[in-house]
Amino acid sequence: MSKFSPMRFDVEKFDGRINFGLWQVQVKDVLIQSGLHKALRGKPTPVSSGDSSGTSKIDNEEWDDMDLRAASTIRLCLAKNVLANVHGLSTAKELWDKLEQLYQGKGISNRLYLKEQFHTLRMERGTKISDHLSILNNIVSE
């Protein structure tokens, strides 16, 4: 088995309606399991040849390959409507940062929307209490 063998994970595609924070945790875990998470930090700056730390730095070709695979993994976890918003971004860091900017929801309009969702939340007849609590927890976590 190679160092970066493909693994199968079931991550719901982010469509802009599900909880971005929870989706982000799952995708980051997939990247960690695949050995691609370092791409989220962006390309490291070159280290001078006088470095005596003994650490082996990743070369450009390896970095480019890892970054391509990380960006691909992120895009495969996006629904088409969200993918359209990040089309043209090529690095994993660019994608990650843009998705956070668009969907992290720290703005006032998102807070008002979440408050409205919370205040209008009603348990429908026939709904299991666990499903209702899941919806409530989702609002709270966002």
C-alpha atoms as a PDB file:
ATOM      1  CA  MET A   1       0.000   0.000   0.000  1.00  0.00           C
ATOM      2  CA  SER A   2       1.492   3.350  -1.005  1.00  0.00           C
ATOM      3  CA  LYS A   3       1.823   6.296   1.341  1.00  0.00           C
ATOM      4  CA  PHE A   4      -1.038   8.154  -0.335  1.00  0.00           C
ATOM      5  CA  SER A   5      -3.365   5.345  -1.346  1.00  0.00           C
ATOM      6  CA  PRO A   6      -6.945   6.418  -2.038  1.00  0.00           C
ATOM      7  CA  MET A   7      -9.377   5.765   0.790  1.00  0.00           C
ATOM      8  CA  ARG A   8     -13.151   5.755   0.683  1.00  0.00           C
ATOM      9  CA  PHE A   9     -14.924   8.103   3.063  1.00  0.00           C
ATOM     10  CA  ASP A  10     -18.571   9.057   3.067  1.00  0.00           C
ATOM     11  CA  VAL A  11     -18.732  12.849   3.386  1.00  0.00           C
ATOM     12  CA  GLU A  12     -21.972  14.557   2.427  1.00  0.00           C
ATOM     13  CA  LYS A  13     -21.387  17.034  -0.385  1.00  0.00           C
ATOM     14  CA  PHE A  14     -21.523  20.604   0.875  1.00  0.00           C
ATOM     15  CA  ASP A  15     -24.415  22.373  -0.841  1.00  0.00           C
ATOM     16  CA  GLY A  16     -24.533  25.571   1.197  1.00  0.00           C
ATOM     17  CA  ARG A  17     -27.454  24.350   3.302  1.00  0.00           C
ATOM     18  CA  ILE A  18     -25.795  21.824   5.611  1.00  0.00           C
ATOM     19  CA  ASN A  19     -23.632  22.887   8.565  1.00  0.00           C
ATOM     20  CA  PHE A  20     -20.373  24.205   7.080  1.00  0.00           C
ATOM     21  CA  GLY A  21     -18.378  23.777  10.295  1.00  0.00           C
ATOM     22  CA  LEU A  22     -19.242  20.090  10.626  1.00  0.00           C
ATOM     23  CA  TRP A  23     -18.596  19.489   6.917  1.00  0.00           C
ATOM     24  CA  GLN A  24     -15.240  21.245   7.252  1.00  0.00           C
ATOM     25  CA  VAL A  25     -14.211  18.991  10.158  1.00  0.00           C
ATOM     26  CA  GLN A  26     -15.058  15.883   8.120  1.00  0.00           C
ATOM     27  CA  VAL A  27     -13.183  17.043   5.017  1.00  0.00           C
ATOM     28  CA  LYS A  28     -10.154  18.022   7.092  1.00  0.00           C
ATOM     29  CA  ASP A  29     -10.215  14.538   8.648  1.00  0.00           C
ATOM     30  CA  VAL A  30     -10.275  13.006   5.159  1.00  0.00           C
ATOM     31  CA  LEU A  31      -7.288  15.156   4.196  1.00  0.00           C
ATOM     32  CA  ILE A  32      -5.443  14.119   7.373  1.00  0.00           C
ATOM     33  CA  GLN A  33      -6.153  10.420   6.757  1.00  0.00           C
ATOM     34  CA  SER A  34      -4.912  10.836   3.188  1.00  0.00           C
ATOM     35  CA  GLY A  35      -1.758  12.692   4.240  1.00  0.00           C
ATOM     36  CA  LEU A  36      -2.825  15.833   2.373  1.00  0.00           C
ATOM     37  CA  HIS A  37      -3.715  18.226   5.214  1.00  0.00           C
ATOM     38  CA  LYS A  38      -0.455  20.206   4.996  1.00  0.00           C
ATOM     39  CA  ALA A  39      -1.686  21.643   1.698  1.00  0.00           C
ATOM     40  CA  LEU A  40      -4.259  23.692   3.644  1.00  0.00           C
ATOM     41  CA  ARG A  41      -1.393  25.816   5.027  1.00  0.00           C
ATOM     42  CA  GLY A  42      -0.185  26.804   1.587  1.00  0.00           C
ATOM     43  CA  LYS A  43       3.127  26.190  -0.124  1.00  0.00           C
ATOM     44  CA  PRO A  44       6.034  26.416   2.330  1.00  0.00           C
ATOM     45  CA  THR A  45       8.774  28.928   1.684  1.00  0.00           C
ATOM     46  CA  PRO A  46      12.076  27.437   0.515  1.00  0.00           C
ATOM     47  CA  VAL A  47      14.642  26.716   3.219  1.00  0.00           C
ATOM     48  CA  SER A  48      18.231  27.807   2.671  1.00  0.00           C
ATOM     49  CA  SER A  49      20.785  25.073   1.945  1.00  0.00           C
ATOM     50  CA  GLY A  50      22.550  25.927   5.189  1.00  0.00           C
ATOM     51  CA  ASP A  51      19.685  24.394   7.194  1.00  0.00           C
ATOM     52  CA  SER A  52      21.186  21.955   9.661  1.00  0.00           C
ATOM     53  CA  SER A  53      17.919  20.857  11.257  1.00  0.00           C
ATOM     54  CA  GLY A  54      18.129  17.483   9.535  1.00  0.00           C
ATOM     55  CA  THR A  55      14.509  17.641   8.399  1.00  0.00           C
ATOM     56  CA  SER A  56      13.810  16.690   4.829  1.00  0.00           C
ATOM     57  CA  LYS A  57      11.723  19.294   3.079  1.00  0.00           C
ATOM     58  CA  ILE A  58       9.193  18.349   0.441  1.00  0.00           C
ATOM     59  CA  ASP A  59      10.373  19.181  -3.094  1.00  0.00           C
ATOM     60  CA  ASN A  60       8.323  21.249  -5.543  1.00  0.00           C
ATOM     61  CA  GLU A  61       7.067  18.290  -7.564  1.00  0.00           C
ATOM     62  CA  GLU A  62       5.914  16.406  -4.454  1.00  0.00           C
ATOM     63  CA  TRP A  63       4.270  19.571  -3.107  1.00  0.00           C
ATOM     64  CA  ASP A  64       2.447  20.255  -6.378  1.00  0.00           C
ATOM     65  CA  ASP A  65       1.187  16.658  -6.460  1.00  0.00           C
ATOM     66  CA  MET A  66       0.001  16.796  -2.835  1.00  0.00           C
ATOM     67  CA  ASP A  67      -1.688  20.165  -3.402  1.00  0.00           C
ATOM     68  CA  LEU A  68      -3.465  18.912  -6.546  1.00  0.00           C
ATOM     69  CA  ARG A  69      -4.770  15.856  -4.691  1.00  0.00           C
ATOM     70  CA  ALA A  70      -5.891  17.935  -1.689  1.00  0.00           C
ATOM     71  CA  ALA A  71      -7.707  20.462  -3.909  1.00  0.00           C
ATOM     72  CA  SER A  72      -9.309  17.598  -5.834  1.00  0.00           C
ATOM     73  CA  THR A  73     -10.491  15.974  -2.587  1.00  0.00           C
ATOM     74  CA  ILE A  74     -12.079  19.242  -1.457  1.00  0.00           C
ATOM     75  CA  ARG A  75     -13.813  19.799  -4.820  1.00  0.00           C
ATOM     76  CA  LEU A  76     -15.173  16.230  -4.810  1.00  0.00           C
ATOM     77  CA  CYS A  77     -16.888  17.042  -1.497  1.00  0.00           C
ATOM     78  CA  LEU A  78     -18.748  20.030  -2.968  1.00  0.00           C
ATOM     79  CA  ALA A  79     -22.135  20.131  -4.644  1.00  0.00           C
ATOM     80  CA  LYS A  80     -22.223  21.719  -8.098  1.00  0.00           C
ATOM     81  CA  ASN A  81     -23.862  24.932  -6.899  1.00  0.00           C
ATOM     82  CA  VAL A  82     -21.018  25.535  -4.412  1.00  0.00           C
ATOM     83  CA  LEU A  83     -18.355  24.353  -6.844  1.00  0.00           C
ATOM     84  CA  ALA A  84     -19.468  27.109  -9.205  1.00  0.00           C
ATOM     85  CA  ASN A  85     -18.501  29.662  -6.514  1.00  0.00           C
ATOM     86  CA  VAL A  86     -14.903  28.402  -6.288  1.00  0.00           C
ATOM     87  CA  HIS A  87     -14.356  27.458  -9.926  1.00  0.00           C
ATOM     88  CA  GLY A  88     -10.986  28.695 -11.093  1.00  0.00           C
ATOM     89  CA  LEU A  89      -9.232  28.390  -7.731  1.00  0.00           C
ATOM     90  CA  SER A  90      -6.481  25.828  -8.033  1.00  0.00           C
ATOM     91  CA  THR A  91      -4.691  25.390  -4.719  1.00  0.00           C
ATOM     92  CA  ALA A  92      -6.134  23.665  -1.669  1.00  0.00           C
ATOM     93  CA  LYS A  93      -5.426  26.723   0.497  1.00  0.00           C
ATOM     94  CA  GLU A  94      -7.224  29.055  -1.943  1.00  0.00           C
ATOM     95  CA  LEU A  95     -10.250  26.741  -2.012  1.00  0.00           C
ATOM     96  CA  TRP A  96     -10.315  26.305   1.767  1.00  0.00           C
ATOM     97  CA  ASP A  97      -9.963  30.031   2.450  1.00  0.00           C
ATOM     98  CA  LYS A  98     -12.644  30.980  -0.099  1.00  0.00           C
ATOM     99  CA  LEU A  99     -15.098  28.414   1.289  1.00  0.00           C
ATOM    100  CA  GLU A 100     -14.518  29.773   4.799  1.00  0.00           C
ATOM    101  CA  GLN A 101     -15.044  33.308   3.546  1.00  0.00           C
ATOM    102  CA  LEU A 102     -18.297  32.358   1.810  1.00  0.00           C
ATOM    103  CA  TYR A 103     -19.829  29.920   4.299  1.00  0.00           C
ATOM    104  CA  GLN A 104     -18.230  30.303   7.742  1.00  0.00           C
ATOM    105  CA  GLY A 105     -21.100  32.549   8.713  1.00  0.00           C
ATOM    106  CA  LYS A 106     -19.564  35.039  11.099  1.00  0.00           C
ATOM    107  CA  GLY A 107     -21.434  37.951   9.568  1.00  0.00           C
ATOM    108  CA  ILE A 108     -24.408  39.748  11.070  1.00  0.00           C
ATOM    109  CA  SER A 109     -26.803  38.510   8.379  1.00  0.00           C
ATOM    110  CA  ASN A 110     -25.958  34.886   9.178  1.00  0.00           C
ATOM    111  CA  ARG A 111     -26.439  35.496  12.900  1.00  0.00           C
ATOM    112  CA  LEU A 112     -29.850  37.025  12.273  1.00  0.00           C
ATOM    113  CA  TYR A 113     -30.783  34.106  10.027  1.00  0.00           C
ATOM    114  CA  LEU A 114     -29.744  31.594  12.716  1.00  0.00           C
ATOM    115  CA  LYS A 115     -31.667  33.528  15.389  1.00  0.00           C
ATOM    116  CA  GLU A 116     -34.760  33.399  13.193  1.00  0.00           C
ATOM    117  CA  GLN A 117     -34.296  29.658  12.652  1.00  0.00           C
ATOM    118  CA  PHE A 118     -33.964  29.157  16.405  1.00  0.00           C
ATOM    119  CA  HIS A 119     -37.025  31.244  17.295  1.00  0.00           C
ATOM    120  CA  THR A 120     -39.231  29.643  14.647  1.00  0.00           C
ATOM    121  CA  LEU A 121     -38.120  26.072  15.299  1.00  0.00           C
ATOM    122  CA  ARG A 122     -41.120  23.859  15.993  1.00  0.00           C
ATOM    123  CA  MET A 123     -41.261  20.115  16.351  1.00  0.00           C
ATOM    124  CA  GLU A 124     -43.533  18.698  13.672  1.00  0.00           C
ATOM    125  CA  ARG A 125     -46.042  16.009  14.589  1.00  0.00           C
ATOM    126  CA  GLY A 126     -44.547  12.554  14.065  1.00  0.00           C
ATOM    127  CA  THR A 127     -40.935  13.751  14.246  1.00  0.00           C
ATOM    128  CA  LYS A 128     -38.643  11.757  16.500  1.00  0.00           C
ATOM    129  CA  ILE A 129     -37.249  13.748  19.425  1.00  0.00           C
ATOM    130  CA  SER A 130     -33.715  12.752  18.405  1.00  0.00           C
ATOM    131  CA  ASP A 131     -34.255  14.247  14.933  1.00  0.00           C
ATOM    132  CA  HIS A 132     -35.636  17.457  16.414  1.00  0.00           C
ATOM    133  CA  LEU A 133     -32.698  17.726  18.843  1.00  0.00           C
ATOM    134  CA  SER A 134     -30.307  17.142  15.953  1.00  0.00           C
ATOM    135  CA  ILE A 135     -31.797  20.135  14.110  1.00  0.00           C
ATOM    136  CA  LEU A 136     -31.569  22.251  17.272  1.00  0.00           C
ATOM    137  CA  ASN A 137     -27.939  21.201  17.876  1.00  0.00           C
ATOM    138  CA  ASN A 138     -27.146  22.031  14.272  1.00  0.00           C
ATOM    139  CA  ILE A 139     -28.437  25.592  14.718  1.00  0.00           C
ATOM    140  CA  VAL A 140     -26.541  25.968  17.987  1.00  0.00           C
ATOM    141  CA  SER A 141     -23.265  24.658  16.528  1.00  0.00           C
ATOM    142  CA  GLU A 142     -23.485  27.115  13.640  1.00  0.00           C
END
